[in-house]
PDB file of N, CA and C in Angstrom:
ATOM      1  N   MET A   1       0.847  -1.167   0.000  1.00  0.00           N
ATOM      2  CA  MET A   1       0.000   0.000   0.000  1.00  0.00           C
ATOM      3  C   MET A   1       0.895   1.233   0.000  1.00  0.00           C
ATOM      4  N   THR A   2       0.585   2.189  -0.852  1.00  0.00           N
ATOM      5  CA  THR A   2       1.409   3.376  -0.926  1.00  0.00           C
ATOM      6  C   THR A   2       1.182   4.255   0.301  1.00  0.00           C
ATOM      7  N   GLU A   3       2.151   5.121   0.566  1.00  0.00           N
ATOM      8  CA  GLU A   3       2.049   6.023   1.718  1.00  0.00           C
ATOM      9  C   GLU A   3       0.829   6.927   1.589  1.00  0.00           C
ATOM     10  N   GLU A   4       0.507   7.319   0.354  1.00  0.00           N
ATOM     11  CA  GLU A   4      -0.652   8.171   0.115  1.00  0.00           C
ATOM     12  C   GLU A   4      -1.942   7.478   0.535  1.00  0.00           C
ATOM     13  N   LYS A   5      -2.082   6.196   0.235  1.00  0.00           N
ATOM     14  CA  LYS A   5      -3.297   5.464   0.583  1.00  0.00           C
ATOM     15  C   LYS A   5      -3.348   5.086   2.057  1.00  0.00           C
ATOM     16  N   LYS A   6      -2.211   5.008   2.724  1.00  0.00           N
ATOM     17  CA  LYS A   6      -2.203   4.688   4.147  1.00  0.00           C
ATOM     18  C   LYS A   6      -2.867   5.776   4.966  1.00  0.00           C
ATOM     19  N   ASN A   7      -2.756   7.025   4.542  1.00  0.00           N
ATOM     20  CA  ASN A   7      -3.288   8.155   5.289  1.00  0.00           C
ATOM     21  C   ASN A   7      -4.596   8.679   4.721  1.00  0.00           C
ATOM     22  N   LEU A   8      -5.233   7.930   3.864  1.00  0.00           N
ATOM     23  CA  LEU A   8      -6.449   8.352   3.205  1.00  0.00           C
ATOM     24  C   LEU A   8      -7.634   8.297   4.176  1.00  0.00           C
ATOM     25  N   PRO A   9      -8.300   9.422   4.447  1.00  0.00           N
ATOM     26  CA  PRO A   9      -9.470   9.374   5.331  1.00  0.00           C
ATOM     27  C   PRO A   9     -10.639   8.712   4.609  1.00  0.00           C
ATOM     28  N   HIS A  10     -11.602   8.226   5.379  1.00  0.00           N
ATOM     29  CA  HIS A  10     -12.769   7.618   4.746  1.00  0.00           C
ATOM     30  C   HIS A  10     -14.041   8.266   5.283  1.00  0.00           C
ATOM     31  N   THR A  11     -15.075   8.187   4.464  1.00  0.00           N
ATOM     32  CA  THR A  11     -16.386   8.680   4.857  1.00  0.00           C
ATOM     33  C   THR A  11     -17.432   7.657   4.445  1.00  0.00           C
ATOM     34  N   LEU A  12     -18.546   7.663   5.163  1.00  0.00           N
ATOM     35  CA  LEU A  12     -19.684   6.800   4.853  1.00  0.00           C
ATOM     36  C   LEU A  12     -20.921   7.677   4.711  1.00  0.00           C
ATOM     37  N   HIS A  13     -21.742   7.368   3.736  1.00  0.00           N
ATOM     38  CA  HIS A  13     -23.019   8.055   3.556  1.00  0.00           C
ATOM     39  C   HIS A  13     -24.034   6.992   3.143  1.00  0.00           C
ATOM     40  N   MET A  14     -25.070   6.804   3.969  1.00  0.00           N
ATOM     41  CA  MET A  14     -26.072   5.788   3.666  1.00  0.00           C
ATOM     42  C   MET A  14     -27.427   6.454   3.477  1.00  0.00           C
ATOM     43  N   GLU A  15     -28.137   6.008   2.468  1.00  0.00           N
ATOM     44  CA  GLU A  15     -29.474   6.523   2.174  1.00  0.00           C
ATOM     45  C   GLU A  15     -30.495   5.412   2.348  1.00  0.00           C
ATOM     46  N   ASN A  16     -31.352   5.540   3.359  1.00  0.00           N
ATOM     47  CA  ASN A  16     -32.493   4.647   3.597  1.00  0.00           C
ATOM     48  C   ASN A  16     -32.123   3.161   3.657  1.00  0.00           C
ATOM     49  N   ASN A  17     -30.981   2.840   4.174  1.00  0.00           N
ATOM     50  CA  ASN A  17     -30.507   1.454   4.283  1.00  0.00           C
ATOM     51  C   ASN A  17     -30.489   0.727   2.941  1.00  0.00           C
ATOM     52  N   LYS A  18     -30.485   1.468   1.850  1.00  0.00           N
ATOM     53  CA  LYS A  18     -30.508   0.844   0.531  1.00  0.00           C
ATOM     54  C   LYS A  18     -29.271   1.152  -0.302  1.00  0.00           C
ATOM     55  N   THR A  19     -28.625   2.283  -0.055  1.00  0.00           N
ATOM     56  CA  THR A  19     -27.443   2.667  -0.811  1.00  0.00           C
ATOM     57  C   THR A  19     -26.387   3.173   0.159  1.00  0.00           C
ATOM     58  N   LEU A  20     -25.163   2.668   0.016  1.00  0.00           N
ATOM     59  CA  LEU A  20     -24.058   3.085   0.871  1.00  0.00           C
ATOM     60  C   LEU A  20     -22.931   3.593  -0.014  1.00  0.00           C
ATOM     61  N   PHE A  21     -22.523   4.837   0.224  1.00  0.00           N
ATOM     62  CA  PHE A  21     -21.390   5.435  -0.471  1.00  0.00           C
ATOM     63  C   PHE A  21     -20.215   5.437   0.507  1.00  0.00           C
ATOM     64  N   VAL A  22     -19.073   4.917   0.080  1.00  0.00           N
ATOM     65  CA  VAL A  22     -17.887   4.844   0.931  1.00  0.00           C
ATOM     66  C   VAL A  22     -16.715   5.451   0.167  1.00  0.00           C
ATOM     67  N   SER A  23     -16.002   6.367   0.810  1.00  0.00           N
ATOM     68  CA  SER A  23     -14.756   6.875   0.233  1.00  0.00           C
ATOM     69  C   SER A  23     -13.609   6.388   1.106  1.00  0.00           C
ATOM     70  N   GLY A  24     -12.418   6.411   0.571  1.00  0.00           N
ATOM     71  CA  GLY A  24     -11.253   5.918   1.303  1.00  0.00           C
ATOM     72  C   GLY A  24     -11.045   4.426   1.159  1.00  0.00           C
ATOM     73  N   VAL A  25     -11.639   3.821   0.122  1.00  0.00           N
ATOM     74  CA  VAL A  25     -11.525   2.390  -0.124  1.00  0.00           C
ATOM     75  C   VAL A  25     -10.174   2.092  -0.773  1.00  0.00           C
ATOM     76  N   VAL A  26      -9.398   1.238  -0.121  1.00  0.00           N
ATOM     77  CA  VAL A  26      -8.078   0.872  -0.622  1.00  0.00           C
ATOM     78  C   VAL A  26      -8.141  -0.410  -1.439  1.00  0.00           C
ATOM     79  N   GLN A  27      -9.005  -1.335  -1.013  1.00  0.00           N
ATOM     80  CA  GLN A  27      -9.083  -2.643  -1.656  1.00  0.00           C
ATOM     81  C   GLN A  27     -10.442  -3.252  -1.323  1.00  0.00           C
ATOM     82  N   ILE A  28     -10.934  -4.128  -2.189  1.00  0.00           N
ATOM     83  CA  ILE A  28     -12.173  -4.836  -1.892  1.00  0.00           C
ATOM     84  C   ILE A  28     -11.830  -6.290  -1.629  1.00  0.00           C
ATOM     85  N   GLY A  29     -12.482  -6.855  -0.628  1.00  0.00           N
ATOM     86  CA  GLY A  29     -12.244  -8.253  -0.280  1.00  0.00           C
ATOM     87  C   GLY A  29     -13.340  -9.125  -0.855  1.00  0.00           C
ATOM     88  N   ASN A  30     -13.683 -10.157  -0.130  1.00  0.00           N
ATOM     89  CA  ASN A  30     -14.748 -11.072  -0.561  1.00  0.00           C
ATOM     90  C   ASN A  30     -16.087 -10.354  -0.577  1.00  0.00           C
ATOM     91  N   PHE A  31     -16.959 -10.784  -1.484  1.00  0.00           N
ATOM     92  CA  PHE A  31     -18.302 -10.237  -1.494  1.00  0.00           C
ATOM     93  C   PHE A  31     -19.272 -11.258  -2.057  1.00  0.00           C
ATOM     94  N   ASP A  32     -20.487 -11.197  -1.545  1.00  0.00           N
ATOM     95  CA  ASP A  32     -21.604 -11.969  -2.070  1.00  0.00           C
ATOM     96  C   ASP A  32     -22.870 -11.177  -1.769  1.00  0.00           C
ATOM     97  N   GLU A  33     -24.034 -11.791  -1.924  1.00  0.00           N
ATOM     98  CA  GLU A  33     -25.285 -11.065  -1.732  1.00  0.00           C
ATOM     99  C   GLU A  33     -25.567 -10.723  -0.270  1.00  0.00           C
ATOM    100  N   GLN A  34     -24.876 -11.373   0.682  1.00  0.00           N
ATOM    101  CA  GLN A  34     -25.120 -11.115   2.104  1.00  0.00           C
ATOM    102  C   GLN A  34     -24.035 -10.281   2.774  1.00  0.00           C
ATOM    103  N   SER A  35     -22.852 -10.178   2.193  1.00  0.00           N
ATOM    104  CA  SER A  35     -21.788  -9.405   2.841  1.00  0.00           C
ATOM    105  C   SER A  35     -20.753  -8.926   1.820  1.00  0.00           C
ATOM    106  N   VAL A  36     -20.164  -7.781   2.157  1.00  0.00           N
ATOM    107  CA  VAL A  36     -19.101  -7.199   1.339  1.00  0.00           C
ATOM    108  C   VAL A  36     -18.016  -6.727   2.297  1.00  0.00           C
ATOM    109  N   ILE A  37     -16.772  -7.031   1.991  1.00  0.00           N
ATOM    110  CA  ILE A  37     -15.642  -6.569   2.797  1.00  0.00           C
ATOM    111  C   ILE A  37     -14.917  -5.474   2.020  1.00  0.00           C
ATOM    112  N   LEU A  38     -14.827  -4.291   2.641  1.00  0.00           N
ATOM    113  CA  LEU A  38     -14.089  -3.177   2.061  1.00  0.00           C
ATOM    114  C   LEU A  38     -12.910  -2.884   2.967  1.00  0.00           C
ATOM    115  N   TYR A  39     -11.714  -2.831   2.389  1.00  0.00           N
ATOM    116  CA  TYR A  39     -10.527  -2.470   3.157  1.00  0.00           C
ATOM    117  C   TYR A  39     -10.310  -0.966   3.028  1.00  0.00           C
ATOM    118  N   LEU A  40     -10.221  -0.324   4.161  1.00  0.00           N
ATOM    119  CA  LEU A  40      -9.990   1.110   4.241  1.00  0.00           C
ATOM    120  C   LEU A  40      -8.580   1.341   4.750  1.00  0.00           C
ATOM    121  N   SER A  41      -8.091   2.555   4.671  1.00  0.00           N
ATOM    122  CA  SER A  41      -6.731   2.826   5.133  1.00  0.00           C
ATOM    123  C   SER A  41      -6.576   2.549   6.622  1.00  0.00           C
ATOM    124  N   GLU A  42      -7.645   2.688   7.395  1.00  0.00           N
ATOM    125  CA  GLU A  42      -7.583   2.474   8.834  1.00  0.00           C
ATOM    126  C   GLU A  42      -8.049   1.083   9.256  1.00  0.00           C
ATOM    127  N   GLY A  43      -8.428   0.244   8.340  1.00  0.00           N
ATOM    128  CA  GLY A  43      -8.889  -1.091   8.703  1.00  0.00           C
ATOM    129  C   GLY A  43      -9.883  -1.641   7.713  1.00  0.00           C
ATOM    130  N   LYS A  44     -10.820  -2.424   8.223  1.00  0.00           N
ATOM    131  CA  LYS A  44     -11.747  -3.162   7.380  1.00  0.00           C
ATOM    132  C   LYS A  44     -13.175  -2.788   7.747  1.00  0.00           C
ATOM    133  N   LEU A  45     -14.039  -2.674   6.732  1.00  0.00           N
ATOM    134  CA  LEU A  45     -15.463  -2.431   6.931  1.00  0.00           C
ATOM    135  C   LEU A  45     -16.218  -3.607   6.341  1.00  0.00           C
ATOM    136  N   LEU A  46     -16.993  -4.282   7.183  1.00  0.00           N
ATOM    137  CA  LEU A  46     -17.819  -5.405   6.745  1.00  0.00           C
ATOM    138  C   LEU A  46     -19.260  -4.928   6.674  1.00  0.00           C
ATOM    139  N   VAL A  47     -19.861  -5.057   5.509  1.00  0.00           N
ATOM    140  CA  VAL A  47     -21.237  -4.625   5.277  1.00  0.00           C
ATOM    141  C   VAL A  47     -22.099  -5.880   5.166  1.00  0.00           C
ATOM    142  N   HIS A  48     -23.125  -5.965   6.010  1.00  0.00           N
ATOM    143  CA  HIS A  48     -24.061  -7.093   5.978  1.00  0.00           C
ATOM    144  C   HIS A  48     -25.385  -6.620   5.392  1.00  0.00           C
ATOM    145  N   GLY A  49     -26.088  -7.536   4.724  1.00  0.00           N
ATOM    146  CA  GLY A  49     -27.388  -7.185   4.183  1.00  0.00           C
ATOM    147  C   GLY A  49     -27.959  -8.284   3.321  1.00  0.00           C
ATOM    148  N   ASN A  50     -28.906  -7.907   2.494  1.00  0.00           N
ATOM    149  CA  ASN A  50     -29.570  -8.826   1.568  1.00  0.00           C
ATOM    150  C   ASN A  50     -29.523  -8.215   0.170  1.00  0.00           C
ATOM    151  N   ASN A  51     -29.336  -9.077  -0.819  1.00  0.00           N
ATOM    152  CA  ASN A  51     -29.282  -8.649  -2.223  1.00  0.00           C
ATOM    153  C   ASN A  51     -28.259  -7.541  -2.449  1.00  0.00           C
ATOM    154  N   LEU A  52     -27.112  -7.627  -1.796  1.00  0.00           N
ATOM    155  CA  LEU A  52     -26.076  -6.602  -1.943  1.00  0.00           C
ATOM    156  C   LEU A  52     -25.407  -6.707  -3.306  1.00  0.00           C
ATOM    157  N   GLN A  53     -25.166  -5.558  -3.884  1.00  0.00           N
ATOM    158  CA  GLN A  53     -24.472  -5.458  -5.164  1.00  0.00           C
ATOM    159  C   GLN A  53     -23.496  -4.298  -5.101  1.00  0.00           C
ATOM    160  N   ILE A  54     -22.405  -4.426  -5.805  1.00  0.00           N
ATOM    161  CA  ILE A  54     -21.466  -3.324  -5.915  1.00  0.00           C
ATOM    162  C   ILE A  54     -21.898  -2.503  -7.110  1.00  0.00           C
ATOM    163  N   GLY A  55     -22.468  -1.338  -6.844  1.00  0.00           N
ATOM    164  CA  GLY A  55     -22.976  -0.491  -7.913  1.00  0.00           C
ATOM    165  C   GLY A  55     -21.864   0.214  -8.658  1.00  0.00           C
ATOM    166  N   ARG A  56     -20.847   0.642  -7.908  1.00  0.00           N
ATOM    167  CA  ARG A  56     -19.739   1.375  -8.507  1.00  0.00           C
ATOM    168  C   ARG A  56     -18.519   1.159  -7.633  1.00  0.00           C
ATOM    169  N   LEU A  57     -17.370   0.967  -8.259  1.00  0.00           N
ATOM    170  CA  LEU A  57     -16.113   0.820  -7.537  1.00  0.00           C
ATOM    171  C   LEU A  57     -15.019   1.465  -8.354  1.00  0.00           C
ATOM    172  N   SER A  58     -14.292   2.385  -7.723  1.00  0.00           N
ATOM    173  CA  SER A  58     -13.151   3.016  -8.371  1.00  0.00           C
ATOM    174  C   SER A  58     -12.020   3.100  -7.368  1.00  0.00           C
ATOM    175  N   LEU A  59     -10.989   2.291  -7.567  1.00  0.00           N
ATOM    176  CA  LEU A  59      -9.841   2.342  -6.672  1.00  0.00           C
ATOM    177  C   LEU A  59      -8.952   3.546  -6.989  1.00  0.00           C
ATOM    178  N   GLU A  60      -9.094   4.112  -8.184  1.00  0.00           N
ATOM    179  CA  GLU A  60      -8.340   5.324  -8.510  1.00  0.00           C
ATOM    180  C   GLU A  60      -8.810   6.497  -7.654  1.00  0.00           C
ATOM    181  N   THR A  61     -10.137   6.615  -7.482  1.00  0.00           N
ATOM    182  CA  THR A  61     -10.684   7.691  -6.649  1.00  0.00           C
ATOM    183  C   THR A  61     -10.989   7.201  -5.241  1.00  0.00           C
ATOM    184  N   ALA A  62     -10.764   5.915  -4.970  1.00  0.00           N
ATOM    185  CA  ALA A  62     -10.971   5.292  -3.651  1.00  0.00           C
ATOM    186  C   ALA A  62     -12.418   5.379  -3.199  1.00  0.00           C
ATOM    187  N   GLU A  63     -13.361   5.133  -4.123  1.00  0.00           N
ATOM    188  CA  GLU A  63     -14.786   5.225  -3.804  1.00  0.00           C
ATOM    189  C   GLU A  63     -15.518   3.945  -4.197  1.00  0.00           C
ATOM    190  N   ALA A  64     -16.550   3.637  -3.419  1.00  0.00           N
ATOM    191  CA  ALA A  64     -17.401   2.489  -3.721  1.00  0.00           C
ATOM    192  C   ALA A  64     -18.845   2.845  -3.399  1.00  0.00           C
ATOM    193  N   GLU A  65     -19.756   2.233  -4.136  1.00  0.00           N
ATOM    194  CA  GLU A  65     -21.185   2.385  -3.892  1.00  0.00           C
ATOM    195  C   GLU A  65     -21.784   0.989  -3.818  1.00  0.00           C
ATOM    196  N   LEU A  66     -22.473   0.691  -2.718  1.00  0.00           N
ATOM    197  CA  LEU A  66     -23.136  -0.595  -2.536  1.00  0.00           C
ATOM    198  C   LEU A  66     -24.640  -0.372  -2.527  1.00  0.00           C
ATOM    199  N   CYS A  67     -25.370  -1.283  -3.169  1.00  0.00           N
ATOM    200  CA  CYS A  67     -26.820  -1.205  -3.227  1.00  0.00           C
ATOM    201  C   CYS A  67     -27.413  -2.503  -2.695  1.00  0.00           C
ATOM    202  N   GLY A  68     -28.606  -2.433  -2.168  1.00  0.00           N
ATOM    203  CA  GLY A  68     -29.306  -3.581  -1.617  1.00  0.00           C
ATOM    204  C   GLY A  68     -29.950  -3.184  -0.301  1.00  0.00           C
ATOM    205  N   HIS A  69     -30.310  -4.156   0.513  1.00  0.00           N
ATOM    206  CA  HIS A  69     -30.865  -3.867   1.841  1.00  0.00           C
ATOM    207  C   HIS A  69     -29.747  -4.043   2.866  1.00  0.00           C
ATOM    208  N   ILE A  70     -29.221  -2.943   3.384  1.00  0.00           N
ATOM    209  CA  ILE A  70     -28.093  -2.959   4.316  1.00  0.00           C
ATOM    210  C   ILE A  70     -28.620  -3.090   5.733  1.00  0.00           C
ATOM    211  N   THR A  71     -28.149  -4.118   6.446  1.00  0.00           N
ATOM    212  CA  THR A  71     -28.633  -4.363   7.805  1.00  0.00           C
ATOM    213  C   THR A  71     -27.602  -4.059   8.883  1.00  0.00           C
ATOM    214  N   ALA A  72     -26.304  -4.070   8.559  1.00  0.00           N
ATOM    215  CA  ALA A  72     -25.283  -3.813   9.575  1.00  0.00           C
ATOM    216  C   ALA A  72     -23.971  -3.395   8.936  1.00  0.00           C
ATOM    217  N   LEU A  73     -23.237  -2.549   9.671  1.00  0.00           N
ATOM    218  CA  LEU A  73     -21.883  -2.144   9.308  1.00  0.00           C
ATOM    219  C   LEU A  73     -20.992  -2.509  10.478  1.00  0.00           C
ATOM    220  N   GLN A  74     -19.868  -3.155  10.198  1.00  0.00           N
ATOM    221  CA  GLN A  74     -18.968  -3.602  11.265  1.00  0.00           C
ATOM    222  C   GLN A  74     -17.538  -3.224  10.910  1.00  0.00           C
ATOM    223  N   TYR A  75     -16.898  -2.483  11.822  1.00  0.00           N
ATOM    224  CA  TYR A  75     -15.502  -2.091  11.639  1.00  0.00           C
ATOM    225  C   TYR A  75     -14.570  -3.101  12.287  1.00  0.00           C
ATOM    226  N   SER A  76     -13.395  -3.233  11.701  1.00  0.00           N
ATOM    227  CA  SER A  76     -12.317  -4.032  12.257  1.00  0.00           C
ATOM    228  C   SER A  76     -11.026  -3.307  11.918  1.00  0.00           C
ATOM    229  N   ASP A  77      -9.996  -3.476  12.752  1.00  0.00           N
ATOM    230  CA  ASP A  77      -8.752  -2.786  12.447  1.00  0.00           C
ATOM    231  C   ASP A  77      -7.812  -3.630  11.598  1.00  0.00           C
ATOM    232  N   ALA A  78      -8.285  -4.741  11.070  1.00  0.00           N
ATOM    233  CA  ALA A  78      -7.463  -5.595  10.201  1.00  0.00           C
ATOM    234  C   ALA A  78      -7.222  -4.884   8.886  1.00  0.00           C
ATOM    235  N   ARG A  79      -5.988  -4.802   8.467  1.00  0.00           N
ATOM    236  CA  ARG A  79      -5.610  -4.168   7.205  1.00  0.00           C
ATOM    237  C   ARG A  79      -5.325  -5.244   6.166  1.00  0.00           C
ATOM    238  N   PRO A  80      -5.452  -4.894   4.881  1.00  0.00           N
ATOM    239  CA  PRO A  80      -5.127  -5.897   3.853  1.00  0.00           C
ATOM    240  C   PRO A  80      -3.666  -6.283   3.942  1.00  0.00           C
ATOM    241  N   ARG A  81      -3.409  -7.546   3.786  1.00  0.00           N
ATOM    242  CA  ARG A  81      -2.028  -8.038   3.869  1.00  0.00           C
ATOM    243  C   ARG A  81      -1.310  -7.839   2.554  1.00  0.00           C
ATOM    244  N   ALA A  82      -0.095  -7.365   2.665  1.00  0.00           N
ATOM    245  CA  ALA A  82       0.746  -7.291   1.476  1.00  0.00           C
ATOM    246  C   ALA A  82       1.224  -8.702   1.176  1.00  0.00           C
ATOM    247  N   LYS A  83       1.248  -9.059  -0.074  1.00  0.00           N
ATOM    248  CA  LYS A  83       1.691 -10.404  -0.427  1.00  0.00           C
ATOM    249  C   LYS A  83       3.195 -10.494  -0.233  1.00  0.00           C
ATOM    250  N   GLY A  84       3.590 -11.378   0.621  1.00  0.00           N
ATOM    251  CA  GLY A  84       5.004 -11.583   0.883  1.00  0.00           C
ATOM    252  C   GLY A  84       5.642 -12.505  -0.111  1.00  0.00           C
ATOM    253  N   PHE A  85       6.902 -12.723   0.062  1.00  0.00           N
ATOM    254  CA  PHE A  85       7.679 -13.563  -0.826  1.00  0.00           C
ATOM    255  C   PHE A  85       7.107 -14.977  -0.886  1.00  0.00           C
ATOM    256  N   LEU A  86       6.818 -15.558   0.274  1.00  0.00           N
ATOM    257  CA  LEU A  86       6.335 -16.939   0.313  1.00  0.00           C
ATOM    258  C   LEU A  86       4.975 -17.072  -0.379  1.00  0.00           C
ATOM    259  N   ALA A  87       4.098 -16.112  -0.209  1.00  0.00           N
ATOM    260  CA  ALA A  87       2.787 -16.169  -0.865  1.00  0.00           C
ATOM    261  C   ALA A  87       2.940 -16.117  -2.385  1.00  0.00           C
ATOM    262  N   LYS A  88       3.886 -15.328  -2.853  1.00  0.00           N
ATOM    263  CA  LYS A  88       4.098 -15.232  -4.305  1.00  0.00           C
ATOM    264  C   LYS A  88       4.687 -16.529  -4.855  1.00  0.00           C
ATOM    265  N   VAL A  89       5.575 -17.187  -4.103  1.00  0.00           N
ATOM    266  CA  VAL A  89       6.220 -18.416  -4.547  1.00  0.00           C
ATOM    267  C   VAL A  89       5.217 -19.566  -4.569  1.00  0.00           C
ATOM    268  N   LEU A  90       4.305 -19.621  -3.586  1.00  0.00           N
ATOM    269  CA  LEU A  90       3.371 -20.739  -3.472  1.00  0.00           C
ATOM    270  C   LEU A  90       2.116 -20.578  -4.306  1.00  0.00           C
ATOM    271  N   ARG A  91       2.022 -19.564  -5.090  1.00  0.00           N
ATOM    272  CA  ARG A  91       0.867 -19.326  -5.951  1.00  0.00           C
ATOM    273  C   ARG A  91       0.634 -20.446  -6.912  1.00  0.00           C
TER     274      ARG A  91
END
């Protein structure tokens, strides 16, 4: 992760539990219709819901838009792991 992205602030804006706008997105993790993992510069945001879809994602502008029925947001301080030498060799 570049130094610029390490210090990137994030914001959340949710409209009627149906649309979530997130800025400061560094990486996207696993996602399905019930959960989406977004990695932020300060940690991880887990979004729970039903019929979740990624409406828009731009890592250049560090923004994401999620649509569906959002039921919970959960923060964690886990950061995305940089792939080390061993992970690259065992691919």
